[in-house]
N, C-alpha and C. Protein backbone atom coordinates (compact mmCIF):
# COMPACT_ATOMS: atom_id res chain seq x y z
N MET A 1 -86.32 -7.77 -9.30
CA MET A 1 -85.87 -8.73 -8.28
C MET A 1 -84.45 -9.21 -8.53
N PRO A 2 -84.05 -9.57 -9.75
CA PRO A 2 -82.65 -9.98 -9.96
C PRO A 2 -81.68 -8.90 -9.52
N LYS A 3 -82.02 -7.66 -9.80
CA LYS A 3 -81.11 -6.59 -9.42
C LYS A 3 -80.95 -6.54 -7.90
N ARG A 4 -82.04 -6.82 -7.17
CA ARG A 4 -81.96 -6.79 -5.72
C ARG A 4 -81.06 -7.91 -5.22
N ARG A 5 -81.10 -9.10 -5.83
CA ARG A 5 -80.25 -10.20 -5.41
C ARG A 5 -78.79 -9.85 -5.63
N HIS A 6 -78.51 -9.20 -6.74
CA HIS A 6 -77.13 -8.79 -7.00
C HIS A 6 -76.65 -7.80 -5.95
N LEU A 7 -77.54 -6.90 -5.52
CA LEU A 7 -77.16 -5.92 -4.52
C LEU A 7 -76.85 -6.59 -3.20
N LEU A 8 -77.69 -7.56 -2.80
CA LEU A 8 -77.46 -8.25 -1.54
C LEU A 8 -76.17 -9.05 -1.57
N LYS A 9 -75.83 -9.59 -2.71
CA LYS A 9 -74.57 -10.34 -2.82
C LYS A 9 -73.37 -9.39 -2.73
N ALA A 10 -73.57 -8.17 -3.19
CA ALA A 10 -72.44 -7.23 -3.20
C ALA A 10 -72.14 -6.69 -1.82
N LEU A 11 -73.15 -6.68 -0.93
CA LEU A 11 -72.95 -6.11 0.39
C LEU A 11 -71.84 -6.80 1.17
N PRO A 12 -71.83 -8.16 1.29
CA PRO A 12 -70.74 -8.79 2.03
C PRO A 12 -69.38 -8.56 1.40
N LEU A 13 -69.34 -8.51 0.07
CA LEU A 13 -68.06 -8.30 -0.60
C LEU A 13 -67.51 -6.93 -0.28
N LEU A 14 -68.40 -5.91 -0.25
CA LEU A 14 -67.95 -4.56 0.03
C LEU A 14 -67.49 -4.45 1.48
N ALA A 15 -68.22 -5.09 2.38
CA ALA A 15 -67.83 -5.06 3.79
C ALA A 15 -66.48 -5.72 3.99
N ALA A 16 -66.24 -6.83 3.31
CA ALA A 16 -64.96 -7.51 3.42
C ALA A 16 -63.83 -6.64 2.90
N ALA A 17 -64.11 -5.93 1.79
CA ALA A 17 -63.08 -5.06 1.23
C ALA A 17 -62.72 -3.95 2.21
N CYS A 18 -63.76 -3.40 2.93
CA CYS A 18 -63.49 -2.35 3.89
C CYS A 18 -62.66 -2.88 5.05
N ALA A 19 -62.92 -4.13 5.44
CA ALA A 19 -62.21 -4.70 6.58
C ALA A 19 -60.75 -4.93 6.25
N THR A 20 -60.47 -5.35 5.01
CA THR A 20 -59.08 -5.66 4.65
C THR A 20 -58.28 -4.42 4.30
N SER A 21 -58.96 -3.28 4.11
CA SER A 21 -58.24 -2.07 3.72
C SER A 21 -57.77 -1.26 4.93
N GLU A 22 -58.03 -1.77 6.15
CA GLU A 22 -57.60 -1.05 7.35
C GLU A 22 -56.09 -0.94 7.39
N GLN A 23 -55.59 0.26 7.53
CA GLN A 23 -54.16 0.51 7.54
C GLN A 23 -53.65 0.61 8.98
N PRO A 24 -52.40 0.33 9.23
CA PRO A 24 -51.84 0.49 10.58
C PRO A 24 -51.97 1.93 11.03
N LEU A 25 -52.19 2.10 12.34
CA LEU A 25 -52.36 3.44 12.89
C LEU A 25 -51.06 4.23 12.78
N PRO A 26 -51.11 5.43 12.23
CA PRO A 26 -49.89 6.25 12.17
C PRO A 26 -49.55 6.74 13.57
N PRO A 27 -48.28 7.01 13.83
CA PRO A 27 -47.90 7.51 15.16
C PRO A 27 -48.47 8.90 15.40
N LEU A 28 -48.86 9.14 16.65
CA LEU A 28 -49.37 10.46 17.00
C LEU A 28 -48.24 11.48 17.02
N ARG A 29 -48.56 12.72 16.77
CA ARG A 29 -47.59 13.79 16.95
C ARG A 29 -47.23 13.86 18.44
N PRO A 30 -46.15 14.49 18.78
CA PRO A 30 -45.75 14.55 20.19
C PRO A 30 -46.86 15.10 21.08
N LEU A 31 -47.00 14.53 22.26
CA LEU A 31 -48.02 14.98 23.19
C LEU A 31 -47.64 16.33 23.78
N VAL A 32 -48.46 16.80 24.71
CA VAL A 32 -48.21 18.09 25.34
C VAL A 32 -46.80 18.12 25.90
N THR A 33 -46.06 19.15 25.57
CA THR A 33 -44.65 19.21 25.95
C THR A 33 -44.43 19.91 27.28
N GLY A 34 -45.46 20.48 27.86
CA GLY A 34 -45.30 21.14 29.15
C GLY A 34 -45.72 22.59 29.10
N TYR A 35 -45.55 23.28 30.24
CA TYR A 35 -46.05 24.64 30.39
C TYR A 35 -44.99 25.58 30.97
N SER A 36 -43.76 25.12 31.03
CA SER A 36 -42.70 25.94 31.60
C SER A 36 -42.37 27.14 30.71
N HIS A 37 -42.79 27.13 29.45
CA HIS A 37 -42.52 28.26 28.57
C HIS A 37 -43.49 29.42 28.83
N LEU A 38 -44.54 29.17 29.60
CA LEU A 38 -45.51 30.22 29.91
C LEU A 38 -45.02 31.06 31.09
N THR A 39 -45.66 32.19 31.29
CA THR A 39 -45.26 33.09 32.37
C THR A 39 -45.39 32.40 33.72
N PRO A 40 -44.31 32.35 34.50
CA PRO A 40 -44.42 31.75 35.83
C PRO A 40 -45.29 32.61 36.74
N LEU A 41 -46.04 31.94 37.61
CA LEU A 41 -46.91 32.64 38.55
C LEU A 41 -46.25 32.54 39.92
N ARG A 42 -45.60 33.63 40.34
CA ARG A 42 -44.79 33.65 41.56
C ARG A 42 -45.65 34.07 42.74
N LEU A 43 -45.79 33.16 43.69
CA LEU A 43 -46.60 33.42 44.86
C LEU A 43 -45.70 33.74 46.06
N ASN A 44 -46.12 34.72 46.83
CA ASN A 44 -45.34 35.14 47.99
C ASN A 44 -45.62 34.21 49.17
N VAL A 45 -45.22 32.95 49.01
CA VAL A 45 -45.35 31.93 50.05
C VAL A 45 -44.04 31.14 50.10
N LEU A 46 -43.86 30.43 51.22
CA LEU A 46 -42.63 29.68 51.39
C LEU A 46 -42.60 28.41 50.56
N GLU A 47 -43.76 27.75 50.41
CA GLU A 47 -43.81 26.51 49.64
C GLU A 47 -45.17 26.35 48.99
N ILE A 48 -45.19 25.51 47.97
CA ILE A 48 -46.43 25.19 47.25
C ILE A 48 -46.56 23.67 47.24
N ARG A 49 -47.69 23.18 47.70
CA ARG A 49 -47.94 21.75 47.75
C ARG A 49 -49.02 21.37 46.75
N ILE A 50 -48.88 20.19 46.16
CA ILE A 50 -49.90 19.63 45.29
C ILE A 50 -50.73 18.68 46.13
N GLY A 51 -51.96 19.06 46.44
CA GLY A 51 -52.82 18.24 47.27
C GLY A 51 -53.47 17.11 46.50
N GLU A 52 -54.09 16.21 47.22
CA GLU A 52 -54.83 15.12 46.59
C GLU A 52 -56.10 15.67 45.94
N PRO A 53 -56.48 15.14 44.77
CA PRO A 53 -57.74 15.59 44.16
C PRO A 53 -58.91 15.33 45.09
N VAL A 54 -59.94 16.15 44.99
CA VAL A 54 -61.12 15.92 45.80
C VAL A 54 -61.75 14.59 45.38
N PRO A 55 -62.43 13.89 46.28
CA PRO A 55 -63.03 12.60 45.93
C PRO A 55 -63.97 12.71 44.74
N GLY A 56 -63.81 11.80 43.78
CA GLY A 56 -64.66 11.78 42.59
C GLY A 56 -64.30 12.80 41.54
N ALA A 57 -63.19 13.51 41.72
CA ALA A 57 -62.84 14.57 40.77
C ALA A 57 -62.37 14.01 39.43
N ILE A 58 -61.75 12.85 39.42
CA ILE A 58 -61.14 12.32 38.20
C ILE A 58 -62.04 11.25 37.58
N GLN A 59 -62.39 11.46 36.34
CA GLN A 59 -63.17 10.48 35.56
C GLN A 59 -62.63 10.49 34.13
N VAL A 60 -62.00 9.40 33.74
CA VAL A 60 -61.38 9.31 32.42
C VAL A 60 -61.86 8.02 31.76
N ILE A 61 -62.50 8.15 30.61
CA ILE A 61 -62.95 7.00 29.83
C ILE A 61 -61.90 6.74 28.75
N GLU A 62 -61.25 5.62 28.84
CA GLU A 62 -60.21 5.26 27.87
C GLU A 62 -60.83 4.90 26.53
N PRO A 63 -60.05 5.01 25.45
CA PRO A 63 -58.64 5.45 25.40
C PRO A 63 -58.52 6.97 25.53
N ALA A 64 -57.52 7.38 26.29
CA ALA A 64 -57.26 8.80 26.53
C ALA A 64 -55.78 9.06 26.35
N PRO A 65 -55.33 9.44 25.14
CA PRO A 65 -53.90 9.68 24.91
C PRO A 65 -53.30 10.72 25.84
N VAL A 66 -54.09 11.71 26.26
CA VAL A 66 -53.64 12.72 27.20
C VAL A 66 -54.62 12.75 28.36
N ARG A 67 -54.13 12.48 29.57
CA ARG A 67 -55.01 12.47 30.74
C ARG A 67 -55.12 13.88 31.32
N PRO A 68 -56.34 14.35 31.54
CA PRO A 68 -56.51 15.71 32.04
C PRO A 68 -55.95 15.90 33.45
N ASP A 69 -56.04 14.89 34.31
CA ASP A 69 -55.53 15.04 35.67
C ASP A 69 -54.01 15.17 35.68
N VAL A 70 -53.34 14.43 34.80
CA VAL A 70 -51.89 14.52 34.71
C VAL A 70 -51.46 15.90 34.23
N GLU A 71 -52.19 16.44 33.26
CA GLU A 71 -51.84 17.75 32.71
C GLU A 71 -52.10 18.88 33.71
N LEU A 72 -53.17 18.78 34.47
CA LEU A 72 -53.43 19.79 35.48
C LEU A 72 -52.33 19.82 36.53
N ARG A 73 -51.90 18.65 36.95
CA ARG A 73 -50.82 18.58 37.94
C ARG A 73 -49.52 19.16 37.37
N ARG A 74 -49.24 18.83 36.10
CA ARG A 74 -48.02 19.35 35.49
C ARG A 74 -48.08 20.87 35.34
N MET A 75 -49.26 21.40 35.04
CA MET A 75 -49.41 22.85 34.96
C MET A 75 -49.05 23.51 36.29
N ALA A 76 -49.55 22.94 37.38
CA ALA A 76 -49.26 23.51 38.70
C ALA A 76 -47.78 23.41 39.03
N GLU A 77 -47.16 22.27 38.73
CA GLU A 77 -45.75 22.09 39.05
C GLU A 77 -44.85 23.02 38.27
N GLN A 78 -45.22 23.33 37.03
CA GLN A 78 -44.35 24.12 36.17
C GLN A 78 -44.64 25.62 36.19
N ARG A 79 -45.84 26.02 36.63
CA ARG A 79 -46.17 27.43 36.57
C ARG A 79 -46.18 28.12 37.94
N LEU A 80 -46.49 27.39 39.00
CA LEU A 80 -46.54 28.02 40.32
C LEU A 80 -45.16 27.98 40.96
N VAL A 81 -44.68 29.15 41.37
CA VAL A 81 -43.33 29.27 41.94
C VAL A 81 -43.40 29.99 43.29
N PRO A 82 -42.90 29.37 44.37
CA PRO A 82 -42.89 30.06 45.66
C PRO A 82 -41.66 30.96 45.78
N ILE A 83 -41.86 32.20 46.24
CA ILE A 83 -40.72 33.12 46.40
C ILE A 83 -40.77 33.83 47.75
N GLY A 84 -41.65 33.39 48.67
CA GLY A 84 -41.79 34.06 49.94
C GLY A 84 -41.00 33.41 51.06
N THR A 85 -41.24 33.84 52.27
CA THR A 85 -40.51 33.34 53.44
C THR A 85 -41.42 32.72 54.48
N GLU A 86 -42.73 32.77 54.27
CA GLU A 86 -43.66 32.16 55.22
C GLU A 86 -44.96 31.83 54.51
N GLY A 87 -45.75 30.96 55.18
CA GLY A 87 -47.02 30.53 54.60
C GLY A 87 -46.81 29.56 53.45
N ARG A 88 -47.90 29.06 52.93
CA ARG A 88 -47.80 28.14 51.81
C ARG A 88 -49.09 28.18 50.98
N ALA A 89 -48.99 27.65 49.78
CA ALA A 89 -50.14 27.52 48.89
C ALA A 89 -50.37 26.05 48.61
N ARG A 90 -51.63 25.71 48.36
CA ARG A 90 -51.98 24.32 48.04
C ARG A 90 -52.81 24.30 46.76
N PHE A 91 -52.40 23.46 45.83
CA PHE A 91 -53.10 23.30 44.56
C PHE A 91 -53.91 22.01 44.62
N VAL A 92 -55.19 22.09 44.27
CA VAL A 92 -56.08 20.93 44.36
C VAL A 92 -56.88 20.81 43.06
N ILE A 93 -56.91 19.60 42.51
CA ILE A 93 -57.75 19.31 41.34
C ILE A 93 -59.16 19.02 41.82
N THR A 94 -60.13 19.78 41.34
CA THR A 94 -61.52 19.58 41.74
C THR A 94 -62.35 18.93 40.64
N ASN A 95 -61.85 18.91 39.41
CA ASN A 95 -62.57 18.24 38.32
C ASN A 95 -61.60 17.97 37.19
N ALA A 96 -61.50 16.71 36.78
CA ALA A 96 -60.67 16.33 35.63
C ALA A 96 -61.40 15.19 34.93
N ARG A 97 -62.23 15.55 33.98
CA ARG A 97 -63.10 14.56 33.32
C ARG A 97 -62.82 14.53 31.83
N PHE A 98 -62.69 13.31 31.31
CA PHE A 98 -62.66 13.09 29.86
C PHE A 98 -63.67 11.99 29.58
N VAL A 99 -64.78 12.37 28.92
CA VAL A 99 -65.92 11.47 28.76
C VAL A 99 -66.21 11.28 27.28
N ARG A 100 -66.50 10.03 26.91
CA ARG A 100 -66.93 9.69 25.55
C ARG A 100 -68.42 9.32 25.58
N GLN A 101 -69.19 9.93 24.69
CA GLN A 101 -70.63 9.64 24.60
C GLN A 101 -70.96 9.26 23.17
N SER A 102 -71.42 8.02 22.97
CA SER A 102 -71.78 7.56 21.63
C SER A 102 -73.02 8.29 21.14
N LEU A 103 -72.98 8.68 19.87
CA LEU A 103 -74.10 9.37 19.25
C LEU A 103 -74.93 8.40 18.43
N PRO A 104 -76.23 8.68 18.21
CA PRO A 104 -77.07 7.79 17.38
C PRO A 104 -76.49 7.69 15.98
N GLN A 105 -76.42 6.46 15.48
CA GLN A 105 -75.86 6.24 14.15
C GLN A 105 -76.86 6.65 13.09
N GLN A 106 -76.36 7.14 11.97
CA GLN A 106 -77.24 7.55 10.88
C GLN A 106 -77.95 6.33 10.31
N GLY A 107 -79.21 6.53 9.94
CA GLY A 107 -79.98 5.43 9.38
C GLY A 107 -79.79 5.31 7.87
N GLY A 108 -80.54 4.40 7.27
CA GLY A 108 -80.47 4.21 5.83
C GLY A 108 -79.30 3.36 5.39
N LEU A 109 -79.15 3.25 4.08
CA LEU A 109 -78.09 2.42 3.51
C LEU A 109 -76.72 2.95 3.87
N SER A 110 -76.56 4.29 3.96
CA SER A 110 -75.25 4.85 4.29
C SER A 110 -74.85 4.47 5.71
N GLY A 111 -75.83 4.31 6.60
CA GLY A 111 -75.51 3.95 7.96
C GLY A 111 -74.96 2.54 8.08
N MET A 112 -75.30 1.66 7.10
CA MET A 112 -74.81 0.29 7.14
C MET A 112 -73.31 0.23 6.92
N PHE A 113 -72.74 1.21 6.26
CA PHE A 113 -71.31 1.20 5.95
C PHE A 113 -70.55 2.27 6.74
N ALA A 114 -71.20 2.87 7.73
CA ALA A 114 -70.56 3.96 8.45
C ALA A 114 -69.51 3.48 9.43
N GLY A 115 -69.53 2.22 9.78
CA GLY A 115 -68.57 1.72 10.76
C GLY A 115 -68.97 2.13 12.16
N GLU A 116 -67.99 2.50 12.98
CA GLU A 116 -68.28 2.88 14.35
C GLU A 116 -69.14 4.15 14.38
N PRO A 117 -70.10 4.20 15.33
CA PRO A 117 -70.93 5.42 15.41
C PRO A 117 -70.10 6.62 15.86
N GLY A 118 -70.64 7.79 15.61
CA GLY A 118 -69.96 9.00 16.07
C GLY A 118 -70.01 9.11 17.58
N GLU A 119 -69.21 10.01 18.12
CA GLU A 119 -69.19 10.20 19.56
C GLU A 119 -68.88 11.65 19.89
N ARG A 120 -69.34 12.05 21.05
CA ARG A 120 -69.06 13.39 21.56
C ARG A 120 -68.01 13.27 22.66
N LEU A 121 -66.93 14.02 22.51
CA LEU A 121 -65.85 14.01 23.50
C LEU A 121 -65.98 15.26 24.36
N THR A 122 -65.95 15.07 25.65
CA THR A 122 -66.07 16.19 26.59
C THR A 122 -64.90 16.18 27.55
N CYS A 123 -64.26 17.33 27.70
CA CYS A 123 -63.19 17.49 28.68
C CYS A 123 -63.56 18.64 29.61
N GLU A 124 -63.66 18.36 30.89
CA GLU A 124 -63.94 19.36 31.91
C GLU A 124 -62.77 19.44 32.88
N LEU A 125 -62.33 20.65 33.15
CA LEU A 125 -61.18 20.87 34.03
C LEU A 125 -61.56 21.92 35.08
N ALA A 126 -61.14 21.67 36.31
CA ALA A 126 -61.34 22.65 37.37
C ALA A 126 -60.28 22.42 38.44
N CYS A 127 -59.81 23.51 39.02
CA CYS A 127 -58.78 23.40 40.07
C CYS A 127 -58.93 24.58 41.03
N ARG A 128 -58.24 24.46 42.15
CA ARG A 128 -58.30 25.49 43.18
C ARG A 128 -56.92 25.72 43.78
N VAL A 129 -56.60 26.96 44.06
CA VAL A 129 -55.37 27.32 44.77
C VAL A 129 -55.77 27.98 46.08
N GLU A 130 -55.23 27.47 47.19
CA GLU A 130 -55.53 27.98 48.51
C GLU A 130 -54.27 28.58 49.13
N ILE A 131 -54.41 29.69 49.81
CA ILE A 131 -53.32 30.30 50.57
C ILE A 131 -53.55 29.97 52.04
N LEU A 132 -52.55 29.32 52.66
CA LEU A 132 -52.69 28.84 54.04
C LEU A 132 -51.63 29.48 54.93
N THR A 133 -51.99 29.69 56.17
CA THR A 133 -51.03 30.16 57.16
C THR A 133 -50.32 28.95 57.77
N GLY A 134 -49.46 29.20 58.75
CA GLY A 134 -48.69 28.12 59.35
C GLY A 134 -49.54 27.10 60.06
N ASP A 135 -50.72 27.49 60.58
CA ASP A 135 -51.60 26.54 61.27
C ASP A 135 -52.71 26.02 60.37
N ASP A 136 -52.49 26.07 59.05
CA ASP A 136 -53.42 25.54 58.05
C ASP A 136 -54.73 26.34 57.95
N THR A 137 -54.73 27.55 58.41
CA THR A 137 -55.90 28.41 58.24
C THR A 137 -55.91 28.97 56.83
N ARG A 138 -57.01 28.78 56.12
CA ARG A 138 -57.11 29.29 54.75
C ARG A 138 -57.49 30.76 54.79
N VAL A 139 -56.63 31.58 54.21
CA VAL A 139 -56.86 33.02 54.23
C VAL A 139 -57.32 33.54 52.86
N ALA A 140 -57.14 32.75 51.82
CA ALA A 140 -57.59 33.16 50.49
C ALA A 140 -57.61 31.94 49.59
N PHE A 141 -58.41 32.00 48.54
CA PHE A 141 -58.42 30.91 47.55
C PHE A 141 -58.97 31.44 46.24
N VAL A 142 -58.69 30.69 45.18
CA VAL A 142 -59.20 31.03 43.86
C VAL A 142 -59.48 29.74 43.10
N GLU A 143 -60.47 29.76 42.22
CA GLU A 143 -60.84 28.59 41.43
C GLU A 143 -60.89 28.97 39.95
N ALA A 144 -60.58 27.98 39.11
CA ALA A 144 -60.65 28.17 37.66
C ALA A 144 -61.26 26.91 37.05
N GLN A 145 -62.08 27.08 36.02
CA GLN A 145 -62.69 25.93 35.37
C GLN A 145 -62.96 26.23 33.89
N VAL A 146 -62.84 25.19 33.07
CA VAL A 146 -63.12 25.30 31.64
C VAL A 146 -63.77 24.01 31.17
N GLN A 147 -64.40 24.08 30.00
CA GLN A 147 -65.00 22.90 29.36
C GLN A 147 -64.77 22.97 27.87
N ARG A 148 -64.49 21.83 27.27
CA ARG A 148 -64.26 21.76 25.84
C ARG A 148 -64.97 20.55 25.27
N LEU A 149 -65.66 20.74 24.13
CA LEU A 149 -66.40 19.66 23.47
C LEU A 149 -65.88 19.47 22.06
N GLN A 150 -65.95 18.22 21.58
CA GLN A 150 -65.59 17.93 20.19
C GLN A 150 -66.37 16.71 19.74
N THR A 151 -66.84 16.72 18.49
CA THR A 151 -67.63 15.63 17.95
C THR A 151 -66.84 14.88 16.89
N VAL A 152 -66.89 13.56 16.95
CA VAL A 152 -66.25 12.69 15.95
C VAL A 152 -67.34 12.08 15.09
N ALA A 153 -67.19 12.15 13.78
CA ALA A 153 -68.22 11.70 12.85
C ALA A 153 -68.30 10.18 12.80
N ASP A 154 -69.44 9.68 12.30
CA ASP A 154 -69.59 8.25 12.07
C ASP A 154 -68.49 7.74 11.16
N GLY A 155 -68.01 6.54 11.45
CA GLY A 155 -67.06 5.89 10.57
C GLY A 155 -65.65 6.43 10.66
N ALA A 156 -65.37 7.30 11.61
CA ALA A 156 -64.01 7.83 11.73
C ALA A 156 -63.04 6.71 12.07
N SER A 157 -61.84 6.79 11.53
CA SER A 157 -60.83 5.76 11.75
C SER A 157 -60.34 5.82 13.20
N PRO A 158 -59.74 4.74 13.68
CA PRO A 158 -59.17 4.76 15.04
C PRO A 158 -58.14 5.87 15.21
N ALA A 159 -57.34 6.14 14.17
CA ALA A 159 -56.35 7.20 14.28
C ALA A 159 -57.02 8.56 14.44
N THR A 160 -58.11 8.79 13.69
CA THR A 160 -58.83 10.06 13.80
C THR A 160 -59.46 10.22 15.17
N ARG A 161 -60.02 9.14 15.70
CA ARG A 161 -60.62 9.19 17.03
C ARG A 161 -59.57 9.45 18.10
N ARG A 162 -58.43 8.83 17.95
CA ARG A 162 -57.36 9.01 18.92
C ARG A 162 -56.83 10.44 18.88
N GLN A 163 -56.70 11.00 17.66
CA GLN A 163 -56.22 12.38 17.53
C GLN A 163 -57.23 13.35 18.11
N ALA A 164 -58.52 13.09 17.89
CA ALA A 164 -59.56 13.97 18.44
C ALA A 164 -59.55 13.94 19.96
N ALA A 165 -59.32 12.77 20.54
CA ALA A 165 -59.26 12.66 22.00
C ALA A 165 -58.09 13.46 22.56
N GLU A 166 -56.97 13.43 21.86
CA GLU A 166 -55.82 14.23 22.31
C GLU A 166 -56.09 15.71 22.15
N ASP A 167 -56.68 16.09 21.02
CA ASP A 167 -56.90 17.51 20.74
C ASP A 167 -57.85 18.16 21.75
N VAL A 168 -58.91 17.45 22.14
CA VAL A 168 -59.89 18.07 23.03
C VAL A 168 -59.28 18.34 24.40
N VAL A 169 -58.39 17.47 24.88
CA VAL A 169 -57.72 17.72 26.16
C VAL A 169 -56.67 18.81 26.00
N ARG A 170 -55.93 18.76 24.90
CA ARG A 170 -54.91 19.78 24.65
C ARG A 170 -55.53 21.18 24.58
N GLN A 171 -56.64 21.31 23.86
CA GLN A 171 -57.29 22.61 23.73
C GLN A 171 -57.89 23.08 25.05
N ALA A 172 -58.43 22.13 25.83
CA ALA A 172 -58.95 22.49 27.14
C ALA A 172 -57.83 22.99 28.06
N MET A 173 -56.66 22.38 27.97
CA MET A 173 -55.54 22.82 28.78
C MET A 173 -55.04 24.20 28.35
N GLN A 174 -55.08 24.49 27.07
CA GLN A 174 -54.70 25.83 26.61
C GLN A 174 -55.63 26.87 27.21
N GLU A 175 -56.93 26.58 27.20
CA GLU A 175 -57.89 27.51 27.79
C GLU A 175 -57.73 27.59 29.30
N MET A 176 -57.42 26.46 29.94
CA MET A 176 -57.24 26.46 31.39
C MET A 176 -56.05 27.32 31.80
N ASN A 177 -54.94 27.25 31.07
CA ASN A 177 -53.78 28.06 31.41
C ASN A 177 -54.12 29.55 31.35
N VAL A 178 -54.91 29.95 30.38
CA VAL A 178 -55.32 31.36 30.27
C VAL A 178 -56.25 31.73 31.43
N GLU A 179 -57.24 30.88 31.68
CA GLU A 179 -58.21 31.15 32.74
C GLU A 179 -57.55 31.10 34.12
N PHE A 180 -56.65 30.14 34.31
CA PHE A 180 -55.95 29.97 35.59
C PHE A 180 -55.14 31.23 35.93
N GLU A 181 -54.39 31.73 34.96
CA GLU A 181 -53.59 32.93 35.20
C GLU A 181 -54.48 34.14 35.44
N TYR A 182 -55.56 34.25 34.67
CA TYR A 182 -56.46 35.39 34.84
C TYR A 182 -57.07 35.41 36.25
N GLN A 183 -57.54 34.26 36.71
CA GLN A 183 -58.18 34.20 38.02
C GLN A 183 -57.18 34.48 39.15
N LEU A 184 -55.96 33.95 39.01
CA LEU A 184 -54.95 34.23 40.04
C LEU A 184 -54.62 35.71 40.10
N ARG A 185 -54.44 36.34 38.96
CA ARG A 185 -54.09 37.76 38.95
C ARG A 185 -55.25 38.62 39.44
N ARG A 186 -56.46 38.16 39.26
CA ARG A 186 -57.61 38.94 39.70
C ARG A 186 -57.91 38.76 41.18
N THR A 187 -57.81 37.51 41.67
CA THR A 187 -58.25 37.22 43.04
C THR A 187 -57.10 37.17 44.04
N LEU A 188 -55.95 36.65 43.62
CA LEU A 188 -54.81 36.52 44.53
C LEU A 188 -53.75 37.58 44.25
N ARG A 189 -54.18 38.75 43.88
CA ARG A 189 -53.25 39.82 43.52
C ARG A 189 -52.29 40.15 44.67
N ALA A 190 -52.80 40.07 45.91
CA ALA A 190 -51.96 40.42 47.06
C ALA A 190 -50.86 39.41 47.30
N TRP A 191 -50.99 38.20 46.76
CA TRP A 191 -49.97 37.16 46.97
C TRP A 191 -49.12 36.91 45.74
N LEU A 192 -49.36 37.66 44.69
CA LEU A 192 -48.58 37.49 43.47
C LEU A 192 -47.46 38.52 43.42
N ALA A 193 -46.29 38.08 42.97
CA ALA A 193 -45.15 38.97 42.82
C ALA A 193 -44.65 38.88 41.40
N GLU A 194 -44.36 40.02 40.81
CA GLU A 194 -43.87 40.04 39.43
C GLU A 194 -42.39 39.71 39.34
N GLY A 195 -41.61 40.09 40.35
CA GLY A 195 -40.17 39.83 40.33
C GLY A 195 -39.85 38.41 40.72
N SER A 196 -38.58 38.04 40.56
CA SER A 196 -38.15 36.69 40.90
C SER A 196 -37.32 36.64 42.16
N THR A 197 -37.06 37.81 42.77
CA THR A 197 -36.23 37.83 43.97
C THR A 197 -37.08 37.57 45.19
N PRO A 198 -36.76 36.60 46.03
CA PRO A 198 -37.56 36.33 47.22
C PRO A 198 -37.63 37.57 48.12
N THR A 199 -38.77 37.73 48.76
CA THR A 199 -38.97 38.89 49.62
C THR A 199 -38.47 38.57 51.03
N ALA A 200 -37.21 38.23 51.15
CA ALA A 200 -36.63 37.92 52.45
C ALA A 200 -36.25 39.21 53.16
N PRO A 201 -36.32 39.23 54.51
CA PRO A 201 -35.93 40.45 55.23
C PRO A 201 -34.45 40.73 55.08
N ALA A 202 -34.08 42.00 55.21
CA ALA A 202 -32.67 42.38 55.09
C ALA A 202 -31.89 41.80 56.27
N PRO A 203 -30.64 41.38 56.06
CA PRO A 203 -29.87 40.81 57.17
C PRO A 203 -29.60 41.84 58.25
N VAL A 204 -29.61 41.36 59.50
CA VAL A 204 -29.35 42.24 60.64
C VAL A 204 -27.86 42.57 60.65
N PRO A 205 -27.47 43.87 60.75
CA PRO A 205 -26.04 44.22 60.76
C PRO A 205 -25.34 43.67 62.00
N VAL A 206 -24.13 43.21 61.83
CA VAL A 206 -23.34 42.65 62.92
C VAL A 206 -22.58 43.77 63.59
N GLU A 207 -22.81 43.93 64.90
CA GLU A 207 -22.12 44.99 65.65
C GLU A 207 -20.80 44.45 66.18
N ARG A 208 -19.79 45.33 66.21
CA ARG A 208 -18.46 44.96 66.71
C ARG A 208 -18.26 45.55 68.10
N GLU A 209 -17.76 44.73 69.01
CA GLU A 209 -17.50 45.19 70.38
C GLU A 209 -16.15 44.64 70.83
N ASP A 210 -15.25 45.53 71.24
CA ASP A 210 -13.94 45.09 71.71
C ASP A 210 -14.05 44.45 73.08
N LEU A 211 -13.36 43.33 73.27
CA LEU A 211 -13.33 42.65 74.56
C LEU A 211 -12.52 43.45 75.54
N PRO A 212 -12.87 43.39 76.83
CA PRO A 212 -12.09 44.13 77.85
C PRO A 212 -10.64 43.66 77.86
N GLY A 213 -9.71 44.60 77.89
CA GLY A 213 -8.30 44.26 77.97
C GLY A 213 -7.69 43.92 76.62
N ALA A 214 -8.53 43.89 75.56
CA ALA A 214 -7.97 43.57 74.26
C ALA A 214 -7.22 44.75 73.70
N THR A 215 -6.15 44.49 73.00
CA THR A 215 -5.34 45.53 72.39
C THR A 215 -6.01 46.02 71.13
N PRO A 216 -6.33 47.29 71.05
CA PRO A 216 -6.99 47.80 69.83
C PRO A 216 -6.14 47.55 68.61
N ARG A 217 -6.81 47.25 67.48
CA ARG A 217 -6.11 47.02 66.21
C ARG A 217 -5.79 48.36 65.59
N THR A 218 -4.62 48.38 64.92
CA THR A 218 -4.20 49.59 64.24
C THR A 218 -4.31 49.40 62.75
């Protein structure tokens, strides 16, 4: 029994020591720097518009150092390039979710000192590209989607949790860029151009006609 009393007295002291040992959060490494270094996807259309996300497409549980909806939009702005003379393409976000789910905390004495419970981080991304004619008739479309999961252990520090939240979105975006390009090349092959020169028609040659009574040039 005396030993048990000593143990109970030590518990608050140990908890206090853990509380006072919390260090300031280190700065995060630079966030996603963009996608302009990847192969541009040149579409044979006159313009490309970024449409409004479909209703309910965006769900982000904070804290979220990198927002999936922002990254999807940036991917479209930096990778899709119009090089045609008619028609247009529309990019639409159909799913941009970053969800945190708390996991059951471990039991026993170790669970008393685990701190915050573990959590499962889920990032789901989906988007659509539509090819439209001048009267908004959709003549073709393609969709791409990916999912990425990551688990954070019990007692992880705020810095570790924040880094994990950034990593799961960053990794999902890496997979999305691969899947996005693959689906476009497979489904929208007829609207993709490998070159960078717009497919504009050749200029009409200008014909010369002398006016009546004009003195011919020598």
